[in-house]
Amino acid sequence: MASGGDDVASRTASILKALSNPIRLKILALCLKKERSSRELREILGISKPLLIVHLKQLVKKGFLEYRVEFDQERMIVRKYYRTKRDFRVCIDENVLEEILKELDA
């Protein structure tokens, strides 16, 4: 029987967990049609910088969000601009459940 964090069930649950937070879904929506800086996202969402960073890291790690880095020479700071990736798809169907079942039978 498969167990641990690298089986299909664990990976699928991890992806769903990343999408189960309303703030993360709002971030994806805000970055869908327009790049947004972290400052812009904080202001729109009304959340702290540390909280935003936690959500952004989760979305980037799971492949839902990407970013580019820009150096502001005038202010001598680095800015990140986030955008929602367009090539992801989340689907739980019987094929995923069949894969989980095969791992359980192994």
PDB file of N, CA and C in Angstrom:
ATOM      1  N   MET A   1       0.849  -1.179   0.000  1.00  0.00           N
ATOM      2  CA  MET A   1       0.000   0.000   0.000  1.00  0.00           C
ATOM      3  C   MET A   1       0.895   1.244   0.000  1.00  0.00           C
ATOM      4  N   ALA A   2       0.586   2.174  -0.874  1.00  0.00           N
ATOM      5  CA  ALA A   2       1.372   3.416  -0.962  1.00  0.00           C
ATOM      6  C   ALA A   2       0.980   4.347   0.177  1.00  0.00           C
ATOM      7  N   SER A   3       1.982   5.027   0.709  1.00  0.00           N
ATOM      8  CA  SER A   3       1.712   6.017   1.740  1.00  0.00           C
ATOM      9  C   SER A   3       2.746   7.115   1.632  1.00  0.00           C
ATOM     10  N   GLY A   4       2.568   8.183   2.370  1.00  0.00           N
ATOM     11  CA  GLY A   4       3.539   9.271   2.329  1.00  0.00           C
ATOM     12  C   GLY A   4       3.007  10.440   1.527  1.00  0.00           C
ATOM     13  N   GLY A   5       3.925  11.322   1.153  1.00  0.00           N
ATOM     14  CA  GLY A   5       3.514  12.553   0.510  1.00  0.00           C
ATOM     15  C   GLY A   5       3.744  12.605  -0.978  1.00  0.00           C
ATOM     16  N   ASP A   6       4.178  11.473  -1.609  1.00  0.00           N
ATOM     17  CA  ASP A   6       4.492  11.535  -3.029  1.00  0.00           C
ATOM     18  C   ASP A   6       3.537  10.692  -3.864  1.00  0.00           C
ATOM     19  N   ASP A   7       2.434  10.261  -3.311  1.00  0.00           N
ATOM     20  CA  ASP A   7       1.478   9.488  -4.083  1.00  0.00           C
ATOM     21  C   ASP A   7       0.456  10.414  -4.749  1.00  0.00           C
ATOM     22  N   VAL A   8      -0.337   9.870  -5.635  1.00  0.00           N
ATOM     23  CA  VAL A   8      -1.312  10.661  -6.399  1.00  0.00           C
ATOM     24  C   VAL A   8      -2.296  11.363  -5.469  1.00  0.00           C
ATOM     25  N   ALA A   9      -2.770  10.667  -4.453  1.00  0.00           N
ATOM     26  CA  ALA A   9      -3.743  11.270  -3.534  1.00  0.00           C
ATOM     27  C   ALA A   9      -3.142  12.476  -2.812  1.00  0.00           C
ATOM     28  N   SER A  10      -1.908  12.344  -2.357  1.00  0.00           N
ATOM     29  CA  SER A  10      -1.264  13.462  -1.649  1.00  0.00           C
ATOM     30  C   SER A  10      -1.009  14.644  -2.566  1.00  0.00           C
ATOM     31  N   ARG A  11      -0.524  14.372  -3.784  1.00  0.00           N
ATOM     32  CA  ARG A  11      -0.265  15.466  -4.738  1.00  0.00           C
ATOM     33  C   ARG A  11      -1.565  16.176  -5.112  1.00  0.00           C
ATOM     34  N   THR A  12      -2.612  15.403  -5.335  1.00  0.00           N
ATOM     35  CA  THR A  12      -3.905  15.989  -5.706  1.00  0.00           C
ATOM     36  C   THR A  12      -4.470  16.820  -4.557  1.00  0.00           C
ATOM     37  N   ALA A  13      -4.387  16.303  -3.344  1.00  0.00           N
ATOM     38  CA  ALA A  13      -4.869  17.044  -2.176  1.00  0.00           C
ATOM     39  C   ALA A  13      -4.079  18.340  -1.993  1.00  0.00           C
ATOM     40  N   SER A  14      -2.784  18.293  -2.252  1.00  0.00           N
ATOM     41  CA  SER A  14      -1.942  19.480  -2.125  1.00  0.00           C
ATOM     42  C   SER A  14      -2.355  20.570  -3.117  1.00  0.00           C
ATOM     43  N   ILE A  15      -2.664  20.174  -4.336  1.00  0.00           N
ATOM     44  CA  ILE A  15      -3.124  21.126  -5.353  1.00  0.00           C
ATOM     45  C   ILE A  15      -4.466  21.724  -4.945  1.00  0.00           C
ATOM     46  N   LEU A  16      -5.377  20.878  -4.498  1.00  0.00           N
ATOM     47  CA  LEU A  16      -6.690  21.374  -4.090  1.00  0.00           C
ATOM     48  C   LEU A  16      -6.584  22.284  -2.868  1.00  0.00           C
ATOM     49  N   LYS A  17      -5.669  21.966  -1.960  1.00  0.00           N
ATOM     50  CA  LYS A  17      -5.465  22.804  -0.785  1.00  0.00           C
ATOM     51  C   LYS A  17      -4.994  24.193  -1.196  1.00  0.00           C
ATOM     52  N   ALA A  18      -4.110  24.251  -2.198  1.00  0.00           N
ATOM     53  CA  ALA A  18      -3.608  25.546  -2.674  1.00  0.00           C
ATOM     54  C   ALA A  18      -4.738  26.400  -3.238  1.00  0.00           C
ATOM     55  N   LEU A  19      -5.740  25.769  -3.801  1.00  0.00           N
ATOM     56  CA  LEU A  19      -6.856  26.502  -4.400  1.00  0.00           C
ATOM     57  C   LEU A  19      -8.035  26.692  -3.449  1.00  0.00           C
ATOM     58  N   SER A  20      -7.949  26.134  -2.254  1.00  0.00           N
ATOM     59  CA  SER A  20      -9.096  26.167  -1.341  1.00  0.00           C
ATOM     60  C   SER A  20      -9.183  27.422  -0.493  1.00  0.00           C
ATOM     61  N   ASN A  21      -8.273  28.357  -0.690  1.00  0.00           N
ATOM     62  CA  ASN A  21      -8.264  29.575   0.100  1.00  0.00           C
ATOM     63  C   ASN A  21      -8.828  30.738  -0.712  1.00  0.00           C
ATOM     64  N   PRO A  22      -9.805  31.462  -0.177  1.00  0.00           N
ATOM     65  CA  PRO A  22     -10.418  32.571  -0.922  1.00  0.00           C
ATOM     66  C   PRO A  22      -9.416  33.657  -1.337  1.00  0.00           C
ATOM     67  N   ILE A  23      -8.424  33.921  -0.500  1.00  0.00           N
ATOM     68  CA  ILE A  23      -7.436  34.949  -0.860  1.00  0.00           C
ATOM     69  C   ILE A  23      -6.635  34.504  -2.080  1.00  0.00           C
ATOM     70  N   ARG A  24      -6.242  33.231  -2.115  1.00  0.00           N
ATOM     71  CA  ARG A  24      -5.477  32.744  -3.262  1.00  0.00           C
ATOM     72  C   ARG A  24      -6.314  32.768  -4.535  1.00  0.00           C
ATOM     73  N   LEU A  25      -7.580  32.451  -4.435  1.00  0.00           N
ATOM     74  CA  LEU A  25      -8.446  32.524  -5.619  1.00  0.00           C
ATOM     75  C   LEU A  25      -8.598  33.971  -6.090  1.00  0.00           C
ATOM     76  N   LYS A  26      -8.679  34.904  -5.148  1.00  0.00           N
ATOM     77  CA  LYS A  26      -8.751  36.325  -5.519  1.00  0.00           C
ATOM     78  C   LYS A  26      -7.473  36.786  -6.197  1.00  0.00           C
ATOM     79  N   ILE A  27      -6.333  36.317  -5.715  1.00  0.00           N
ATOM     80  CA  ILE A  27      -5.053  36.667  -6.332  1.00  0.00           C
ATOM     81  C   ILE A  27      -5.021  36.171  -7.777  1.00  0.00           C
ATOM     82  N   LEU A  28      -5.440  34.925  -7.986  1.00  0.00           N
ATOM     83  CA  LEU A  28      -5.463  34.382  -9.348  1.00  0.00           C
ATOM     84  C   LEU A  28      -6.384  35.198 -10.253  1.00  0.00           C
ATOM     85  N   ALA A  29      -7.528  35.600  -9.727  1.00  0.00           N
ATOM     86  CA  ALA A  29      -8.469  36.403 -10.521  1.00  0.00           C
ATOM     87  C   ALA A  29      -7.878  37.775 -10.830  1.00  0.00           C
ATOM     88  N   LEU A  30      -7.266  38.407  -9.848  1.00  0.00           N
ATOM     89  CA  LEU A  30      -6.686  39.740 -10.041  1.00  0.00           C
ATOM     90  C   LEU A  30      -5.537  39.727 -11.049  1.00  0.00           C
ATOM     91  N   CYS A  31      -4.812  38.626 -11.112  1.00  0.00           N
ATOM     92  CA  CYS A  31      -3.647  38.538 -12.002  1.00  0.00           C
ATOM     93  C   CYS A  31      -3.960  37.870 -13.335  1.00  0.00           C
ATOM     94  N   LEU A  32      -5.218  37.603 -13.576  1.00  0.00           N
ATOM     95  CA  LEU A  32      -5.604  36.892 -14.797  1.00  0.00           C
ATOM     96  C   LEU A  32      -5.404  37.739 -16.053  1.00  0.00           C
ATOM     97  N   LYS A  33      -5.848  38.976 -16.020  1.00  0.00           N
ATOM     98  CA  LYS A  33      -5.811  39.815 -17.220  1.00  0.00           C
ATOM     99  C   LYS A  33      -4.769  40.916 -17.156  1.00  0.00           C
ATOM    100  N   LYS A  34      -4.154  41.078 -15.978  1.00  0.00           N
ATOM    101  CA  LYS A  34      -3.206  42.174 -15.801  1.00  0.00           C
ATOM    102  C   LYS A  34      -2.141  41.767 -14.791  1.00  0.00           C
ATOM    103  N   GLU A  35      -0.893  42.052 -15.120  1.00  0.00           N
ATOM    104  CA  GLU A  35       0.175  41.844 -14.146  1.00  0.00           C
ATOM    105  C   GLU A  35      -0.060  42.754 -12.954  1.00  0.00           C
ATOM    106  N   ARG A  36       0.236  42.241 -11.781  1.00  0.00           N
ATOM    107  CA  ARG A  36       0.061  43.030 -10.560  1.00  0.00           C
ATOM    108  C   ARG A  36       1.311  42.934  -9.699  1.00  0.00           C
ATOM    109  N   SER A  37       1.700  44.052  -9.126  1.00  0.00           N
ATOM    110  CA  SER A  37       2.821  44.036  -8.181  1.00  0.00           C
ATOM    111  C   SER A  37       2.307  43.547  -6.831  1.00  0.00           C
ATOM    112  N   SER A  38       3.227  43.123  -5.985  1.00  0.00           N
ATOM    113  CA  SER A  38       2.809  42.671  -4.659  1.00  0.00           C
ATOM    114  C   SER A  38       2.179  43.824  -3.880  1.00  0.00           C
ATOM    115  N   ARG A  39       2.702  45.016  -4.066  1.00  0.00           N
ATOM    116  CA  ARG A  39       2.116  46.181  -3.382  1.00  0.00           C
ATOM    117  C   ARG A  39       0.664  46.401  -3.835  1.00  0.00           C
ATOM    118  N   GLU A  40       0.435  46.313  -5.121  1.00  0.00           N
ATOM    119  CA  GLU A  40      -0.922  46.485  -5.659  1.00  0.00           C
ATOM    120  C   GLU A  40      -1.860  45.411  -5.101  1.00  0.00           C
ATOM    121  N   LEU A  41      -1.391  44.173  -5.056  1.00  0.00           N
ATOM    122  CA  LEU A  41      -2.214  43.092  -4.516  1.00  0.00           C
ATOM    123  C   LEU A  41      -2.537  43.325  -3.040  1.00  0.00           C
ATOM    124  N   ARG A  42      -1.531  43.749  -2.265  1.00  0.00           N
ATOM    125  CA  ARG A  42      -1.763  44.035  -0.830  1.00  0.00           C
ATOM    126  C   ARG A  42      -2.816  45.110  -0.656  1.00  0.00           C
ATOM    127  N   GLU A  43      -2.714  46.177  -1.451  1.00  0.00           N
ATOM    128  CA  GLU A  43      -3.665  47.286  -1.321  1.00  0.00           C
ATOM    129  C   GLU A  43      -5.080  46.858  -1.693  1.00  0.00           C
ATOM    130  N   ILE A  44      -5.218  46.110  -2.769  1.00  0.00           N
ATOM    131  CA  ILE A  44      -6.548  45.667  -3.205  1.00  0.00           C
ATOM    132  C   ILE A  44      -7.158  44.708  -2.191  1.00  0.00           C
ATOM    133  N   LEU A  45      -6.358  43.765  -1.709  1.00  0.00           N
ATOM    134  CA  LEU A  45      -6.864  42.731  -0.801  1.00  0.00           C
ATOM    135  C   LEU A  45      -6.920  43.175   0.657  1.00  0.00           C
ATOM    136  N   GLY A  46      -6.180  44.234   0.985  1.00  0.00           N
ATOM    137  CA  GLY A  46      -6.177  44.722   2.360  1.00  0.00           C
ATOM    138  C   GLY A  46      -5.535  43.755   3.336  1.00  0.00           C
ATOM    139  N   ILE A  47      -4.440  43.110   2.908  1.00  0.00           N
ATOM    140  CA  ILE A  47      -3.753  42.157   3.783  1.00  0.00           C
ATOM    141  C   ILE A  47      -2.300  42.597   3.975  1.00  0.00           C
ATOM    142  N   SER A  48      -1.662  42.015   4.978  1.00  0.00           N
ATOM    143  CA  SER A  48      -0.278  42.364   5.297  1.00  0.00           C
ATOM    144  C   SER A  48       0.683  41.758   4.275  1.00  0.00           C
ATOM    145  N   LYS A  49       1.872  42.314   4.230  1.00  0.00           N
ATOM    146  CA  LYS A  49       2.904  41.804   3.320  1.00  0.00           C
ATOM    147  C   LYS A  49       3.275  40.354   3.651  1.00  0.00           C
ATOM    148  N   PRO A  50       3.512  40.014   4.934  1.00  0.00           N
ATOM    149  CA  PRO A  50       3.850  38.609   5.235  1.00  0.00           C
ATOM    150  C   PRO A  50       2.760  37.623   4.812  1.00  0.00           C
ATOM    151  N   LEU A  51       1.493  37.995   5.023  1.00  0.00           N
ATOM    152  CA  LEU A  51       0.397  37.109   4.633  1.00  0.00           C
ATOM    153  C   LEU A  51       0.342  36.960   3.110  1.00  0.00           C
ATOM    154  N   LEU A  52       0.518  38.051   2.401  1.00  0.00           N
ATOM    155  CA  LEU A  52       0.510  37.989   0.941  1.00  0.00           C
ATOM    156  C   LEU A  52       1.635  37.093   0.438  1.00  0.00           C
ATOM    157  N   ILE A  53       2.815  37.228   1.015  1.00  0.00           N
ATOM    158  CA  ILE A  53       3.961  36.423   0.586  1.00  0.00           C
ATOM    159  C   ILE A  53       3.679  34.930   0.738  1.00  0.00           C
ATOM    160  N   VAL A  54       3.042  34.554   1.831  1.00  0.00           N
ATOM    161  CA  VAL A  54       2.683  33.146   2.047  1.00  0.00           C
ATOM    162  C   VAL A  54       1.798  32.644   0.911  1.00  0.00           C
ATOM    163  N   HIS A  55       0.785  33.423   0.565  1.00  0.00           N
ATOM    164  CA  HIS A  55      -0.140  33.020  -0.500  1.00  0.00           C
ATOM    165  C   HIS A  55       0.541  32.996  -1.860  1.00  0.00           C
ATOM    166  N   LEU A  56       1.359  34.000  -2.156  1.00  0.00           N
ATOM    167  CA  LEU A  56       2.046  34.048  -3.444  1.00  0.00           C
ATOM    168  C   LEU A  56       2.993  32.859  -3.605  1.00  0.00           C
ATOM    169  N   LYS A  57       3.734  32.541  -2.559  1.00  0.00           N
ATOM    170  CA  LYS A  57       4.661  31.409  -2.623  1.00  0.00           C
ATOM    171  C   LYS A  57       3.931  30.103  -2.913  1.00  0.00           C
ATOM    172  N   GLN A  58       2.808  29.924  -2.267  1.00  0.00           N
ATOM    173  CA  GLN A  58       2.015  28.706  -2.475  1.00  0.00           C
ATOM    174  C   GLN A  58       1.543  28.600  -3.929  1.00  0.00           C
ATOM    175  N   LEU A  59       1.053  29.700  -4.477  1.00  0.00           N
ATOM    176  CA  LEU A  59       0.544  29.694  -5.851  1.00  0.00           C
ATOM    177  C   LEU A  59       1.664  29.513  -6.874  1.00  0.00           C
ATOM    178  N   VAL A  60       2.809  30.111  -6.624  1.00  0.00           N
ATOM    179  CA  VAL A  60       3.957  29.945  -7.525  1.00  0.00           C
ATOM    180  C   VAL A  60       4.458  28.501  -7.454  1.00  0.00           C
ATOM    181  N   LYS A  61       4.578  27.978  -6.241  1.00  0.00           N
ATOM    182  CA  LYS A  61       5.082  26.616  -6.033  1.00  0.00           C
ATOM    183  C   LYS A  61       4.210  25.579  -6.747  1.00  0.00           C
ATOM    184  N   LYS A  62       2.911  25.774  -6.733  1.00  0.00           N
ATOM    185  CA  LYS A  62       1.989  24.819  -7.351  1.00  0.00           C
ATOM    186  C   LYS A  62       1.801  25.067  -8.849  1.00  0.00           C
ATOM    187  N   GLY A  63       2.423  26.124  -9.376  1.00  0.00           N
ATOM    188  CA  GLY A  63       2.378  26.361 -10.818  1.00  0.00           C
ATOM    189  C   GLY A  63       1.184  27.134 -11.321  1.00  0.00           C
ATOM    190  N   PHE A  64       0.471  27.807 -10.428  1.00  0.00           N
ATOM    191  CA  PHE A  64      -0.693  28.589 -10.843  1.00  0.00           C
ATOM    192  C   PHE A  64      -0.349  30.038 -11.153  1.00  0.00           C
ATOM    193  N   LEU A  65       0.763  30.507 -10.617  1.00  0.00           N
ATOM    194  CA  LEU A  65       1.144  31.909 -10.739  1.00  0.00           C
ATOM    195  C   LEU A  65       2.608  31.978 -11.159  1.00  0.00           C
ATOM    196  N   GLU A  66       2.931  32.971 -11.980  1.00  0.00           N
ATOM    197  CA  GLU A  66       4.326  33.207 -12.349  1.00  0.00           C
ATOM    198  C   GLU A  66       4.620  34.686 -12.156  1.00  0.00           C
ATOM    199  N   TYR A  67       5.889  35.036 -12.191  1.00  0.00           N
ATOM    200  CA  TYR A  67       6.244  36.437 -11.960  1.00  0.00           C
ATOM    201  C   TYR A  67       7.481  36.811 -12.757  1.00  0.00           C
ATOM    202  N   ARG A  68       7.648  38.110 -12.913  1.00  0.00           N
ATOM    203  CA  ARG A  68       8.879  38.645 -13.480  1.00  0.00           C
ATOM    204  C   ARG A  68       9.421  39.662 -12.494  1.00  0.00           C
ATOM    205  N   VAL A  69      10.722  39.837 -12.520  1.00  0.00           N
ATOM    206  CA  VAL A  69      11.394  40.745 -11.597  1.00  0.00           C
ATOM    207  C   VAL A  69      11.859  41.971 -12.364  1.00  0.00           C
ATOM    208  N   GLU A  70      11.667  43.124 -11.756  1.00  0.00           N
ATOM    209  CA  GLU A  70      12.093  44.389 -12.361  1.00  0.00           C
ATOM    210  C   GLU A  70      12.820  45.206 -11.300  1.00  0.00           C
ATOM    211  N   PHE A  71      13.940  45.793 -11.698  1.00  0.00           N
ATOM    212  CA  PHE A  71      14.714  46.619 -10.774  1.00  0.00           C
ATOM    213  C   PHE A  71      14.365  48.082 -11.013  1.00  0.00           C
ATOM    214  N   ASP A  72      13.880  48.751  -9.976  1.00  0.00           N
ATOM    215  CA  ASP A  72      13.558  50.177 -10.039  1.00  0.00           C
ATOM    216  C   ASP A  72      14.815  50.939  -9.631  1.00  0.00           C
ATOM    217  N   GLN A  73      15.537  51.465 -10.641  1.00  0.00           N
ATOM    218  CA  GLN A  73      16.810  52.144 -10.355  1.00  0.00           C
ATOM    219  C   GLN A  73      16.617  53.441  -9.578  1.00  0.00           C
ATOM    220  N   GLU A  74      15.514  54.110  -9.823  1.00  0.00           N
ATOM    221  CA  GLU A  74      15.267  55.378  -9.130  1.00  0.00           C
ATOM    222  C   GLU A  74      15.136  55.167  -7.624  1.00  0.00           C
ATOM    223  N   ARG A  75      14.383  54.143  -7.242  1.00  0.00           N
ATOM    224  CA  ARG A  75      14.157  53.881  -5.814  1.00  0.00           C
ATOM    225  C   ARG A  75      15.080  52.806  -5.258  1.00  0.00           C
ATOM    226  N   MET A  76      15.865  52.176  -6.147  1.00  0.00           N
ATOM    227  CA  MET A  76      16.803  51.128  -5.747  1.00  0.00           C
ATOM    228  C   MET A  76      16.109  49.950  -5.050  1.00  0.00           C
ATOM    229  N   ILE A  77      15.022  49.501  -5.653  1.00  0.00           N
ATOM    230  CA  ILE A  77      14.301  48.352  -5.107  1.00  0.00           C
ATOM    231  C   ILE A  77      13.956  47.375  -6.233  1.00  0.00           C
ATOM    232  N   VAL A  78      13.747  46.144  -5.851  1.00  0.00           N
ATOM    233  CA  VAL A  78      13.326  45.108  -6.786  1.00  0.00           C
ATOM    234  C   VAL A  78      11.825  44.935  -6.640  1.00  0.00           C
ATOM    235  N   ARG A  79      11.145  44.901  -7.762  1.00  0.00           N
ATOM    236  CA  ARG A  79       9.697  44.677  -7.761  1.00  0.00           C
ATOM    237  C   ARG A  79       9.385  43.378  -8.490  1.00  0.00           C
ATOM    238  N   LYS A  80       8.416  42.665  -7.977  1.00  0.00           N
ATOM    239  CA  LYS A  80       7.925  41.460  -8.656  1.00  0.00           C
ATOM    240  C   LYS A  80       6.536  41.764  -9.186  1.00  0.00           C
ATOM    241  N   TYR A  81       6.304  41.327 -10.409  1.00  0.00           N
ATOM    242  CA  TYR A  81       4.997  41.480 -11.047  1.00  0.00           C
ATOM    243  C   TYR A  81       4.458  40.080 -11.321  1.00  0.00           C
ATOM    244  N   TYR A  82       3.277  39.811 -10.802  1.00  0.00           N
ATOM    245  CA  TYR A  82       2.677  38.481 -10.871  1.00  0.00           C
ATOM    246  C   TYR A  82       1.601  38.410 -11.941  1.00  0.00           C
ATOM    247  N   ARG A  83       1.490  37.224 -12.545  1.00  0.00           N
ATOM    248  CA  ARG A  83       0.411  36.964 -13.491  1.00  0.00           C
ATOM    249  C   ARG A  83       0.003  35.496 -13.370  1.00  0.00           C
ATOM    250  N   THR A  84      -1.261  35.247 -13.617  1.00  0.00           N
ATOM    251  CA  THR A  84      -1.796  33.895 -13.556  1.00  0.00           C
ATOM    252  C   THR A  84      -1.356  33.133 -14.796  1.00  0.00           C
ATOM    253  N   LYS A  85      -0.856  31.934 -14.597  1.00  0.00           N
ATOM    254  CA  LYS A  85      -0.491  31.096 -15.739  1.00  0.00           C
ATOM    255  C   LYS A  85      -1.762  30.688 -16.465  1.00  0.00           C
ATOM    256  N   ARG A  86      -1.703  30.640 -17.770  1.00  0.00           N
ATOM    257  CA  ARG A  86      -2.882  30.301 -18.567  1.00  0.00           C
ATOM    258  C   ARG A  86      -2.963  28.829 -18.925  1.00  0.00           C
ATOM    259  N   ASP A  87      -1.919  28.078 -18.640  1.00  0.00           N
ATOM    260  CA  ASP A  87      -1.871  26.700 -19.123  1.00  0.00           C
ATOM    261  C   ASP A  87      -2.101  25.648 -18.037  1.00  0.00           C
ATOM    262  N   PHE A  88      -2.802  26.013 -16.982  1.00  0.00           N
ATOM    263  CA  PHE A  88      -3.066  24.994 -15.966  1.00  0.00           C
ATOM    264  C   PHE A  88      -4.521  24.564 -16.039  1.00  0.00           C
ATOM    265  N   ARG A  89      -4.729  23.346 -15.584  1.00  0.00           N
ATOM    266  CA  ARG A  89      -6.078  22.792 -15.571  1.00  0.00           C
ATOM    267  C   ARG A  89      -6.181  21.902 -14.339  1.00  0.00           C
ATOM    268  N   VAL A  90      -7.248  22.051 -13.615  1.00  0.00           N
ATOM    269  CA  VAL A  90      -7.467  21.230 -12.428  1.00  0.00           C
ATOM    270  C   VAL A  90      -8.701  20.388 -12.664  1.00  0.00           C
ATOM    271  N   CYS A  91      -8.525  19.081 -12.545  1.00  0.00           N
ATOM    272  CA  CYS A  91      -9.642  18.180 -12.820  1.00  0.00           C
ATOM    273  C   CYS A  91      -9.520  16.951 -11.925  1.00  0.00           C
ATOM    274  N   ILE A  92     -10.585  16.650 -11.247  1.00  0.00           N
ATOM    275  CA  ILE A  92     -10.660  15.405 -10.485  1.00  0.00           C
ATOM    276  C   ILE A  92     -11.754  14.583 -11.160  1.00  0.00           C
ATOM    277  N   ASP A  93     -11.351  13.513 -11.756  1.00  0.00           N
ATOM    278  CA  ASP A  93     -12.340  12.643 -12.391  1.00  0.00           C
ATOM    279  C   ASP A  93     -12.032  11.204 -12.003  1.00  0.00           C
ATOM    280  N   GLU A  94     -12.733  10.289 -12.616  1.00  0.00           N
ATOM    281  CA  GLU A  94     -12.540   8.893 -12.216  1.00  0.00           C
ATOM    282  C   GLU A  94     -11.143   8.379 -12.565  1.00  0.00           C
ATOM    283  N   ASN A  95     -10.473   8.978 -13.550  1.00  0.00           N
ATOM    284  CA  ASN A  95      -9.107   8.558 -13.880  1.00  0.00           C
ATOM    285  C   ASN A  95      -8.155   8.825 -12.716  1.00  0.00           C
ATOM    286  N   VAL A  96      -8.282   9.983 -12.083  1.00  0.00           N
ATOM    287  CA  VAL A  96      -7.444  10.299 -10.928  1.00  0.00           C
ATOM    288  C   VAL A  96      -7.752   9.328  -9.794  1.00  0.00           C
ATOM    289  N   LEU A  97      -9.023   9.068  -9.581  1.00  0.00           N
ATOM    290  CA  LEU A  97      -9.413   8.129  -8.520  1.00  0.00           C
ATOM    291  C   LEU A  97      -8.920   6.716  -8.828  1.00  0.00           C
ATOM    292  N   GLU A  98      -8.918   6.332 -10.109  1.00  0.00           N
ATOM    293  CA  GLU A  98      -8.387   5.023 -10.505  1.00  0.00           C
ATOM    294  C   GLU A  98      -6.889   4.935 -10.214  1.00  0.00           C
ATOM    295  N   GLU A  99      -6.150   6.012 -10.464  1.00  0.00           N
ATOM    296  CA  GLU A  99      -4.711   6.039 -10.155  1.00  0.00           C
ATOM    297  C   GLU A  99      -4.472   5.861  -8.654  1.00  0.00           C
ATOM    298  N   ILE A 100      -5.287   6.521  -7.870  1.00  0.00           N
ATOM    299  CA  ILE A 100      -5.167   6.395  -6.406  1.00  0.00           C
ATOM    300  C   ILE A 100      -5.456   4.953  -5.995  1.00  0.00           C
ATOM    301  N   LEU A 101      -6.480   4.375  -6.596  1.00  0.00           N
ATOM    302  CA  LEU A 101      -6.846   2.998  -6.275  1.00  0.00           C
ATOM    303  C   LEU A 101      -5.707   2.033  -6.625  1.00  0.00           C
ATOM    304  N   LYS A 102      -5.053   2.246  -7.777  1.00  0.00           N
ATOM    305  CA  LYS A 102      -3.911   1.396  -8.169  1.00  0.00           C
ATOM    306  C   LYS A 102      -2.787   1.500  -7.152  1.00  0.00           C
ATOM    307  N   GLU A 103      -2.525   2.714  -6.679  1.00  0.00           N
ATOM    308  CA  GLU A 103      -1.480   2.868  -5.674  1.00  0.00           C
ATOM    309  C   GLU A 103      -1.836   2.165  -4.377  1.00  0.00           C
ATOM    310  N   LEU A 104      -3.101   2.169  -4.030  1.00  0.00           N
ATOM    311  CA  LEU A 104      -3.528   1.481  -2.803  1.00  0.00           C
ATOM    312  C   LEU A 104      -3.380  -0.021  -2.935  1.00  0.00           C
ATOM    313  N   ASP A 105      -3.585  -0.527  -4.156  1.00  0.00           N
ATOM    314  CA  ASP A 105      -3.478  -1.963  -4.387  1.00  0.00           C
ATOM    315  C   ASP A 105      -2.036  -2.447  -4.529  1.00  0.00           C
ATOM    316  N   ALA A 106      -1.109  -1.500  -4.752  1.00  0.00           N
ATOM    317  CA  ALA A 106       0.304  -1.867  -4.968  1.00  0.00           C
ATOM    318  C   ALA A 106       0.961  -2.392  -3.710  1.00  0.00           C
TER     319      ALA A 106
END
